Amino acid sequence: MNERTFSDELCLQASRLGPCGLSPKAPGTVGSAAAALTAPLFFLPLSFEWRVLILGLIFIFGSLIVTRAEKMLGKKDPGEIVIDELLGMWLTMLPFASLGWEWIIAAFALFRFFDIFKPYPIRDAEHWLPDGWGVMVDDAIAGLYAMMTLWGVRLVLL
């Protein structure tokens, strides 16, 4: 049996967003909720350019981390990997400099809807790219769908 190195454990912790991915029920929802709750502190206060850079880094490093975690866990897109939820949730909120809690809750609900029901092409997107890249891209597309929907709702209501 192979012993995991510190680097392996760090990779698993990052892919799980710490304890979020270990939730016995709905780890994806828990990871999404953590992303929604941390966005006002760590994401939304940044300039648009910094938010785009952060999302790019999450996509690249997340893809590499997920690829490695999948190999360690011996499964394709295991439920405990939730770093992709961080990407999708924060992408949902990308164009909004500040959001009240009602809009953050709406962003969360919309992202979860698109991530769970996976309308076309989200369901197929995971197969477009190999390994962790595919895992990350399907949540990125779900985040884009949620972002566009949230944008439209805000245009109508505000």
N, C-alpha and C. Protein backbone atom coordinates (compact mmCIF):
# COMPACT_ATOMS: atom_id res chain seq x y z
N MET A 1 0.84 -1.19 0.00
CA MET A 1 0.00 0.00 0.00
C MET A 1 0.89 1.25 0.00
N ASN A 2 0.59 2.17 -0.87
CA ASN A 2 1.38 3.39 -0.98
C ASN A 2 0.98 4.38 0.10
N GLU A 3 1.98 4.93 0.75
CA GLU A 3 1.74 5.98 1.73
C GLU A 3 1.58 7.31 1.00
N ARG A 4 0.65 8.10 1.45
CA ARG A 4 0.47 9.43 0.85
C ARG A 4 1.47 10.39 1.45
N THR A 5 2.02 11.22 0.58
CA THR A 5 2.98 12.23 1.01
C THR A 5 2.22 13.47 1.50
N PHE A 6 2.96 14.38 2.09
CA PHE A 6 2.37 15.66 2.51
C PHE A 6 1.77 16.37 1.31
N SER A 7 2.47 16.31 0.19
CA SER A 7 1.99 16.93 -1.05
C SER A 7 0.67 16.29 -1.51
N ASP A 8 0.57 14.97 -1.38
CA ASP A 8 -0.68 14.27 -1.72
C ASP A 8 -1.83 14.76 -0.84
N GLU A 9 -1.57 14.84 0.45
CA GLU A 9 -2.61 15.28 1.40
C GLU A 9 -3.02 16.72 1.14
N LEU A 10 -2.05 17.56 0.83
CA LEU A 10 -2.35 18.96 0.51
C LEU A 10 -3.24 19.04 -0.73
N CYS A 11 -2.94 18.24 -1.72
CA CYS A 11 -3.73 18.18 -2.94
C CYS A 11 -5.16 17.74 -2.63
N LEU A 12 -5.31 16.69 -1.83
CA LEU A 12 -6.65 16.22 -1.47
C LEU A 12 -7.42 17.28 -0.69
N GLN A 13 -6.75 17.94 0.26
CA GLN A 13 -7.43 18.98 1.04
C GLN A 13 -7.87 20.13 0.14
N ALA A 14 -7.02 20.53 -0.79
CA ALA A 14 -7.39 21.61 -1.71
C ALA A 14 -8.55 21.19 -2.59
N SER A 15 -8.52 19.97 -3.10
CA SER A 15 -9.60 19.51 -3.99
C SER A 15 -10.92 19.39 -3.24
N ARG A 16 -10.86 19.14 -1.95
CA ARG A 16 -12.07 19.01 -1.12
C ARG A 16 -12.49 20.35 -0.49
N LEU A 17 -11.74 21.40 -0.72
CA LEU A 17 -11.94 22.68 -0.02
C LEU A 17 -11.99 22.43 1.49
N GLY A 18 -10.93 21.79 1.97
CA GLY A 18 -10.85 21.46 3.39
C GLY A 18 -11.91 20.43 3.74
N PRO A 19 -12.72 20.72 4.75
CA PRO A 19 -13.72 19.74 5.19
C PRO A 19 -14.97 19.67 4.32
N CYS A 20 -15.16 20.60 3.41
CA CYS A 20 -16.41 20.67 2.64
C CYS A 20 -16.70 19.40 1.87
N GLY A 21 -15.70 18.87 1.19
CA GLY A 21 -15.89 17.67 0.38
C GLY A 21 -16.14 16.42 1.19
N LEU A 22 -15.86 16.47 2.48
CA LEU A 22 -16.08 15.30 3.33
C LEU A 22 -17.46 15.28 3.96
N SER A 23 -18.31 16.23 3.61
CA SER A 23 -19.67 16.25 4.13
C SER A 23 -20.36 14.94 3.74
N PRO A 24 -21.02 14.28 4.71
CA PRO A 24 -21.68 13.02 4.39
C PRO A 24 -22.88 13.18 3.46
N LYS A 25 -23.44 14.37 3.43
CA LYS A 25 -24.58 14.64 2.55
C LYS A 25 -24.28 15.85 1.69
N ALA A 26 -24.51 15.71 0.40
CA ALA A 26 -24.43 16.80 -0.58
C ALA A 26 -23.13 17.62 -0.48
N PRO A 27 -21.96 16.97 -0.65
CA PRO A 27 -20.72 17.74 -0.58
C PRO A 27 -20.63 18.85 -1.62
N GLY A 28 -21.21 18.66 -2.79
CA GLY A 28 -21.21 19.71 -3.80
C GLY A 28 -21.96 20.95 -3.35
N THR A 29 -23.07 20.73 -2.67
CA THR A 29 -23.86 21.85 -2.14
C THR A 29 -23.10 22.54 -1.02
N VAL A 30 -22.43 21.75 -0.18
CA VAL A 30 -21.64 22.33 0.92
C VAL A 30 -20.48 23.15 0.34
N GLY A 31 -19.79 22.62 -0.67
CA GLY A 31 -18.71 23.36 -1.31
C GLY A 31 -19.20 24.64 -1.97
N SER A 32 -20.36 24.56 -2.61
CA SER A 32 -20.95 25.75 -3.24
C SER A 32 -21.33 26.79 -2.19
N ALA A 33 -21.88 26.33 -1.08
CA ALA A 33 -22.26 27.25 0.01
C ALA A 33 -21.02 27.93 0.58
N ALA A 34 -19.95 27.17 0.76
CA ALA A 34 -18.70 27.75 1.27
C ALA A 34 -18.18 28.81 0.30
N ALA A 35 -18.26 28.53 -1.00
CA ALA A 35 -17.82 29.50 -2.00
C ALA A 35 -18.68 30.75 -1.96
N ALA A 36 -19.99 30.58 -1.81
CA ALA A 36 -20.91 31.73 -1.74
C ALA A 36 -20.64 32.57 -0.50
N LEU A 37 -20.40 31.91 0.62
CA LEU A 37 -20.17 32.63 1.87
C LEU A 37 -18.83 33.36 1.90
N THR A 38 -17.83 32.82 1.21
CA THR A 38 -16.51 33.46 1.22
C THR A 38 -16.34 34.51 0.13
N ALA A 39 -17.20 34.50 -0.88
CA ALA A 39 -17.08 35.46 -1.99
C ALA A 39 -17.06 36.92 -1.53
N PRO A 40 -17.95 37.34 -0.60
CA PRO A 40 -17.92 38.76 -0.19
C PRO A 40 -16.63 39.16 0.52
N LEU A 41 -15.90 38.20 1.06
CA LEU A 41 -14.65 38.51 1.75
C LEU A 41 -13.44 38.44 0.83
N PHE A 42 -13.40 37.42 -0.02
CA PHE A 42 -12.17 37.12 -0.77
C PHE A 42 -12.26 37.33 -2.27
N PHE A 43 -13.45 37.50 -2.83
CA PHE A 43 -13.58 37.56 -4.28
C PHE A 43 -14.22 38.86 -4.75
N LEU A 44 -15.40 39.17 -4.27
CA LEU A 44 -16.14 40.34 -4.75
C LEU A 44 -15.43 41.67 -4.51
N PRO A 45 -14.66 41.85 -3.42
CA PRO A 45 -13.98 43.14 -3.22
C PRO A 45 -12.87 43.43 -4.23
N LEU A 46 -12.41 42.42 -4.95
CA LEU A 46 -11.32 42.61 -5.91
C LEU A 46 -11.83 43.30 -7.17
N SER A 47 -10.92 43.93 -7.89
CA SER A 47 -11.29 44.53 -9.18
C SER A 47 -11.69 43.41 -10.14
N PHE A 48 -12.41 43.79 -11.19
CA PHE A 48 -12.84 42.81 -12.19
C PHE A 48 -11.64 42.05 -12.76
N GLU A 49 -10.57 42.78 -13.05
CA GLU A 49 -9.38 42.15 -13.63
C GLU A 49 -8.79 41.10 -12.69
N TRP A 50 -8.74 41.42 -11.40
CA TRP A 50 -8.22 40.46 -10.43
C TRP A 50 -9.14 39.25 -10.29
N ARG A 51 -10.45 39.49 -10.36
CA ARG A 51 -11.39 38.37 -10.28
C ARG A 51 -11.20 37.42 -11.46
N VAL A 52 -11.00 37.98 -12.66
CA VAL A 52 -10.75 37.15 -13.85
C VAL A 52 -9.46 36.35 -13.66
N LEU A 53 -8.41 37.00 -13.18
CA LEU A 53 -7.14 36.31 -12.94
C LEU A 53 -7.31 35.19 -11.92
N ILE A 54 -8.00 35.47 -10.82
CA ILE A 54 -8.23 34.46 -9.78
C ILE A 54 -8.97 33.26 -10.37
N LEU A 55 -10.01 33.51 -11.16
CA LEU A 55 -10.76 32.41 -11.77
C LEU A 55 -9.89 31.59 -12.72
N GLY A 56 -9.04 32.27 -13.48
CA GLY A 56 -8.12 31.55 -14.36
C GLY A 56 -7.18 30.65 -13.58
N LEU A 57 -6.66 31.17 -12.48
CA LEU A 57 -5.76 30.37 -11.63
C LEU A 57 -6.50 29.20 -10.99
N ILE A 58 -7.72 29.44 -10.52
CA ILE A 58 -8.51 28.35 -9.94
C ILE A 58 -8.75 27.28 -10.99
N PHE A 59 -9.06 27.69 -12.23
CA PHE A 59 -9.29 26.71 -13.29
C PHE A 59 -8.03 25.89 -13.57
N ILE A 60 -6.91 26.55 -13.73
CA ILE A 60 -5.66 25.84 -14.07
C ILE A 60 -5.21 24.95 -12.92
N PHE A 61 -5.04 25.54 -11.73
CA PHE A 61 -4.56 24.75 -10.60
C PHE A 61 -5.61 23.73 -10.16
N GLY A 62 -6.88 24.11 -10.23
CA GLY A 62 -7.94 23.16 -9.88
C GLY A 62 -7.93 21.96 -10.80
N SER A 63 -7.72 22.18 -12.09
CA SER A 63 -7.67 21.06 -13.05
C SER A 63 -6.52 20.11 -12.72
N LEU A 64 -5.37 20.67 -12.39
CA LEU A 64 -4.21 19.85 -12.04
C LEU A 64 -4.44 19.10 -10.74
N ILE A 65 -5.01 19.79 -9.75
CA ILE A 65 -5.28 19.19 -8.45
C ILE A 65 -6.32 18.07 -8.58
N VAL A 66 -7.38 18.32 -9.34
CA VAL A 66 -8.43 17.32 -9.51
C VAL A 66 -7.88 16.09 -10.23
N THR A 67 -7.06 16.30 -11.24
CA THR A 67 -6.45 15.17 -11.96
C THR A 67 -5.67 14.29 -10.99
N ARG A 68 -4.87 14.92 -10.16
CA ARG A 68 -4.06 14.16 -9.19
C ARG A 68 -4.94 13.49 -8.14
N ALA A 69 -5.95 14.20 -7.64
CA ALA A 69 -6.84 13.64 -6.62
C ALA A 69 -7.62 12.45 -7.17
N GLU A 70 -8.09 12.56 -8.41
CA GLU A 70 -8.81 11.43 -9.02
C GLU A 70 -7.93 10.19 -9.07
N LYS A 71 -6.68 10.37 -9.41
CA LYS A 71 -5.76 9.22 -9.47
C LYS A 71 -5.54 8.63 -8.08
N MET A 72 -5.39 9.48 -7.08
CA MET A 72 -5.19 8.99 -5.71
C MET A 72 -6.42 8.25 -5.20
N LEU A 73 -7.60 8.77 -5.54
CA LEU A 73 -8.85 8.18 -5.04
C LEU A 73 -9.34 7.04 -5.93
N GLY A 74 -8.78 6.93 -7.13
CA GLY A 74 -9.16 5.85 -8.03
C GLY A 74 -10.56 5.98 -8.60
N LYS A 75 -11.06 7.22 -8.70
CA LYS A 75 -12.42 7.46 -9.22
C LYS A 75 -12.42 8.67 -10.13
N LYS A 76 -13.35 8.66 -11.09
CA LYS A 76 -13.56 9.81 -11.97
C LYS A 76 -14.57 10.73 -11.30
N ASP A 77 -14.23 11.98 -11.11
CA ASP A 77 -15.09 13.02 -10.52
C ASP A 77 -15.80 12.55 -9.26
N PRO A 78 -15.04 12.12 -8.24
CA PRO A 78 -15.69 11.71 -6.99
C PRO A 78 -16.39 12.89 -6.32
N GLY A 79 -17.47 12.62 -5.64
CA GLY A 79 -18.27 13.66 -5.00
C GLY A 79 -17.50 14.51 -4.01
N GLU A 80 -16.47 13.94 -3.41
CA GLU A 80 -15.72 14.70 -2.40
C GLU A 80 -14.86 15.80 -3.00
N ILE A 81 -14.63 15.77 -4.29
CA ILE A 81 -13.88 16.83 -4.95
C ILE A 81 -14.84 17.97 -5.25
N VAL A 82 -14.61 19.12 -4.60
CA VAL A 82 -15.55 20.24 -4.73
C VAL A 82 -14.88 21.56 -5.11
N ILE A 83 -13.61 21.53 -5.48
CA ILE A 83 -12.95 22.77 -5.90
C ILE A 83 -13.61 23.32 -7.17
N ASP A 84 -14.22 22.42 -7.95
CA ASP A 84 -14.94 22.86 -9.15
C ASP A 84 -16.17 23.69 -8.79
N GLU A 85 -16.74 23.46 -7.61
CA GLU A 85 -17.88 24.27 -7.15
C GLU A 85 -17.43 25.70 -6.85
N LEU A 86 -16.23 25.85 -6.32
CA LEU A 86 -15.67 27.19 -6.07
C LEU A 86 -15.57 27.95 -7.38
N LEU A 87 -15.03 27.30 -8.40
CA LEU A 87 -14.91 27.95 -9.71
C LEU A 87 -16.29 28.36 -10.23
N GLY A 88 -17.23 27.44 -10.21
CA GLY A 88 -18.56 27.73 -10.75
C GLY A 88 -19.30 28.82 -10.00
N MET A 89 -19.23 28.77 -8.67
CA MET A 89 -19.92 29.78 -7.86
C MET A 89 -19.32 31.16 -8.07
N TRP A 90 -18.00 31.25 -8.00
CA TRP A 90 -17.37 32.56 -8.15
C TRP A 90 -17.52 33.07 -9.58
N LEU A 91 -17.54 32.19 -10.57
CA LEU A 91 -17.79 32.61 -11.94
C LEU A 91 -19.20 33.18 -12.08
N THR A 92 -20.15 32.59 -11.38
CA THR A 92 -21.53 33.11 -11.39
C THR A 92 -21.56 34.57 -10.95
N MET A 93 -20.71 34.93 -9.99
CA MET A 93 -20.71 36.27 -9.41
C MET A 93 -19.69 37.22 -10.05
N LEU A 94 -18.97 36.75 -11.06
CA LEU A 94 -17.88 37.53 -11.67
C LEU A 94 -18.24 38.96 -12.04
N PRO A 95 -19.31 39.23 -12.78
CA PRO A 95 -19.52 40.61 -13.25
C PRO A 95 -20.09 41.57 -12.22
N PHE A 96 -20.37 41.08 -11.03
CA PHE A 96 -21.04 41.91 -10.04
C PHE A 96 -20.05 42.38 -8.98
N ALA A 97 -19.84 43.69 -8.91
CA ALA A 97 -18.86 44.25 -7.98
C ALA A 97 -19.28 44.04 -6.53
N SER A 98 -20.55 44.12 -6.30
CA SER A 98 -21.05 43.84 -4.95
C SER A 98 -22.44 43.24 -5.08
N LEU A 99 -22.72 42.32 -4.22
CA LEU A 99 -24.03 41.67 -4.21
C LEU A 99 -24.53 41.63 -2.78
N GLY A 100 -25.79 41.97 -2.59
CA GLY A 100 -26.41 41.77 -1.29
C GLY A 100 -26.64 40.28 -1.08
N TRP A 101 -26.94 39.92 0.15
CA TRP A 101 -27.11 38.50 0.47
C TRP A 101 -28.24 37.86 -0.33
N GLU A 102 -29.29 38.63 -0.65
CA GLU A 102 -30.38 38.05 -1.43
C GLU A 102 -29.90 37.63 -2.82
N TRP A 103 -28.96 38.40 -3.39
CA TRP A 103 -28.43 38.07 -4.71
C TRP A 103 -27.40 36.95 -4.62
N ILE A 104 -26.67 36.88 -3.53
CA ILE A 104 -25.73 35.77 -3.33
C ILE A 104 -26.50 34.47 -3.20
N ILE A 105 -27.61 34.51 -2.48
CA ILE A 105 -28.47 33.31 -2.35
C ILE A 105 -29.04 32.93 -3.71
N ALA A 106 -29.46 33.93 -4.49
CA ALA A 106 -29.97 33.66 -5.84
C ALA A 106 -28.87 33.05 -6.72
N ALA A 107 -27.65 33.58 -6.62
CA ALA A 107 -26.52 33.04 -7.39
C ALA A 107 -26.27 31.59 -7.00
N PHE A 108 -26.31 31.32 -5.71
CA PHE A 108 -26.12 29.95 -5.20
C PHE A 108 -27.19 29.02 -5.76
N ALA A 109 -28.45 29.43 -5.68
CA ALA A 109 -29.56 28.59 -6.15
C ALA A 109 -29.46 28.34 -7.66
N LEU A 110 -29.13 29.38 -8.41
CA LEU A 110 -29.01 29.22 -9.86
C LEU A 110 -27.84 28.31 -10.23
N PHE A 111 -26.70 28.51 -9.58
CA PHE A 111 -25.56 27.65 -9.88
C PHE A 111 -25.87 26.20 -9.55
N ARG A 112 -26.46 25.96 -8.38
CA ARG A 112 -26.79 24.58 -8.01
C ARG A 112 -27.77 23.97 -9.00
N PHE A 113 -28.75 24.75 -9.45
CA PHE A 113 -29.72 24.26 -10.43
C PHE A 113 -29.00 23.77 -11.69
N PHE A 114 -28.16 24.64 -12.26
CA PHE A 114 -27.48 24.28 -13.50
C PHE A 114 -26.46 23.17 -13.29
N ASP A 115 -25.81 23.14 -12.13
CA ASP A 115 -24.82 22.10 -11.85
C ASP A 115 -25.48 20.74 -11.64
N ILE A 116 -26.64 20.72 -11.03
CA ILE A 116 -27.33 19.45 -10.77
C ILE A 116 -28.05 18.92 -12.01
N PHE A 117 -28.80 19.78 -12.69
CA PHE A 117 -29.61 19.32 -13.82
C PHE A 117 -28.85 19.28 -15.14
N LYS A 118 -27.74 19.99 -15.22
CA LYS A 118 -26.81 19.94 -16.35
C LYS A 118 -27.48 19.99 -17.72
N PRO A 119 -28.16 21.11 -18.05
CA PRO A 119 -28.70 21.23 -19.41
C PRO A 119 -27.56 21.28 -20.43
N TYR A 120 -27.91 20.99 -21.69
CA TYR A 120 -26.91 20.97 -22.75
C TYR A 120 -26.19 22.32 -22.82
N PRO A 121 -24.90 22.33 -22.97
CA PRO A 121 -23.96 21.23 -23.15
C PRO A 121 -23.23 20.83 -21.88
N ILE A 122 -23.74 21.24 -20.72
CA ILE A 122 -23.01 20.99 -19.47
C ILE A 122 -22.76 19.50 -19.27
N ARG A 123 -23.78 18.67 -19.49
CA ARG A 123 -23.64 17.23 -19.26
C ARG A 123 -22.50 16.63 -20.10
N ASP A 124 -22.35 17.11 -21.32
CA ASP A 124 -21.32 16.57 -22.22
C ASP A 124 -19.95 17.20 -22.00
N ALA A 125 -19.90 18.35 -21.38
CA ALA A 125 -18.66 19.13 -21.29
C ALA A 125 -17.55 18.38 -20.58
N GLU A 126 -17.88 17.58 -19.58
CA GLU A 126 -16.85 16.86 -18.83
C GLU A 126 -16.06 15.91 -19.73
N HIS A 127 -16.65 15.49 -20.84
CA HIS A 127 -15.99 14.55 -21.74
C HIS A 127 -15.18 15.26 -22.84
N TRP A 128 -15.28 16.57 -22.93
CA TRP A 128 -14.54 17.32 -23.94
C TRP A 128 -13.05 17.36 -23.63
N LEU A 129 -12.74 17.39 -22.37
CA LEU A 129 -11.35 17.51 -21.93
C LEU A 129 -11.02 16.36 -21.00
N PRO A 130 -9.76 15.96 -20.93
CA PRO A 130 -9.40 14.83 -20.07
C PRO A 130 -9.28 15.22 -18.60
N ASP A 131 -9.47 14.21 -17.76
CA ASP A 131 -9.16 14.28 -16.33
C ASP A 131 -9.82 15.47 -15.64
N GLY A 132 -9.04 16.16 -14.80
CA GLY A 132 -9.55 17.28 -14.02
C GLY A 132 -10.00 18.45 -14.86
N TRP A 133 -9.47 18.58 -16.07
CA TRP A 133 -9.86 19.68 -16.95
C TRP A 133 -11.35 19.57 -17.28
N GLY A 134 -11.81 18.36 -17.56
CA GLY A 134 -13.23 18.15 -17.85
C GLY A 134 -14.12 18.39 -16.64
N VAL A 135 -13.63 17.97 -15.47
CA VAL A 135 -14.39 18.18 -14.23
C VAL A 135 -14.59 19.68 -14.00
N MET A 136 -13.55 20.45 -14.22
CA MET A 136 -13.63 21.89 -13.98
C MET A 136 -14.47 22.60 -15.04
N VAL A 137 -14.39 22.15 -16.30
CA VAL A 137 -15.08 22.88 -17.37
C VAL A 137 -16.59 22.75 -17.26
N ASP A 138 -17.10 21.62 -16.78
CA ASP A 138 -18.56 21.51 -16.70
C ASP A 138 -19.12 22.46 -15.65
N ASP A 139 -18.38 22.66 -14.56
CA ASP A 139 -18.84 23.63 -13.55
C ASP A 139 -18.65 25.06 -14.03
N ALA A 140 -17.64 25.29 -14.86
CA ALA A 140 -17.46 26.62 -15.44
C ALA A 140 -18.64 26.97 -16.34
N ILE A 141 -19.11 26.01 -17.13
CA ILE A 141 -20.26 26.28 -18.00
C ILE A 141 -21.52 26.47 -17.17
N ALA A 142 -21.69 25.66 -16.12
CA ALA A 142 -22.84 25.85 -15.23
C ALA A 142 -22.79 27.24 -14.60
N GLY A 143 -21.58 27.69 -14.23
CA GLY A 143 -21.42 29.03 -13.68
C GLY A 143 -21.76 30.11 -14.69
N LEU A 144 -21.38 29.90 -15.95
CA LEU A 144 -21.72 30.87 -17.00
C LEU A 144 -23.24 30.94 -17.21
N TYR A 145 -23.90 29.79 -17.23
CA TYR A 145 -25.37 29.78 -17.36
C TYR A 145 -26.01 30.52 -16.19
N ALA A 146 -25.52 30.23 -14.98
CA ALA A 146 -26.08 30.88 -13.79
C ALA A 146 -25.81 32.38 -13.83
N MET A 147 -24.60 32.78 -14.27
CA MET A 147 -24.26 34.20 -14.36
C MET A 147 -25.19 34.92 -15.33
N MET A 148 -25.39 34.34 -16.51
CA MET A 148 -26.26 34.98 -17.50
C MET A 148 -27.70 35.07 -17.00
N THR A 149 -28.16 34.04 -16.32
CA THR A 149 -29.52 34.06 -15.78
C THR A 149 -29.64 35.12 -14.69
N LEU A 150 -28.67 35.17 -13.79
CA LEU A 150 -28.68 36.17 -12.71
C LEU A 150 -28.62 37.57 -13.30
N TRP A 151 -27.80 37.76 -14.31
CA TRP A 151 -27.70 39.06 -14.98
C TRP A 151 -29.06 39.47 -15.53
N GLY A 152 -29.71 38.54 -16.22
CA GLY A 152 -31.03 38.83 -16.80
C GLY A 152 -32.07 39.16 -15.74
N VAL A 153 -32.08 38.41 -14.66
CA VAL A 153 -33.04 38.67 -13.58
C VAL A 153 -32.78 40.04 -12.98
N ARG A 154 -31.52 40.38 -12.78
CA ARG A 154 -31.18 41.70 -12.22
C ARG A 154 -31.58 42.83 -13.16
N LEU A 155 -31.41 42.62 -14.47
CA LEU A 155 -31.82 43.64 -15.45
C LEU A 155 -33.33 43.89 -15.39
N VAL A 156 -34.08 42.83 -15.22
CA VAL A 156 -35.55 42.95 -15.17
C VAL A 156 -36.00 43.60 -13.86
N LEU A 157 -35.37 43.20 -12.75
CA LEU A 157 -35.85 43.64 -11.43
C LEU A 157 -35.24 44.95 -10.94
N LEU A 158 -34.06 45.31 -11.42
CA LEU A 158 -33.41 46.51 -10.88
C LEU A 158 -33.49 47.68 -11.84
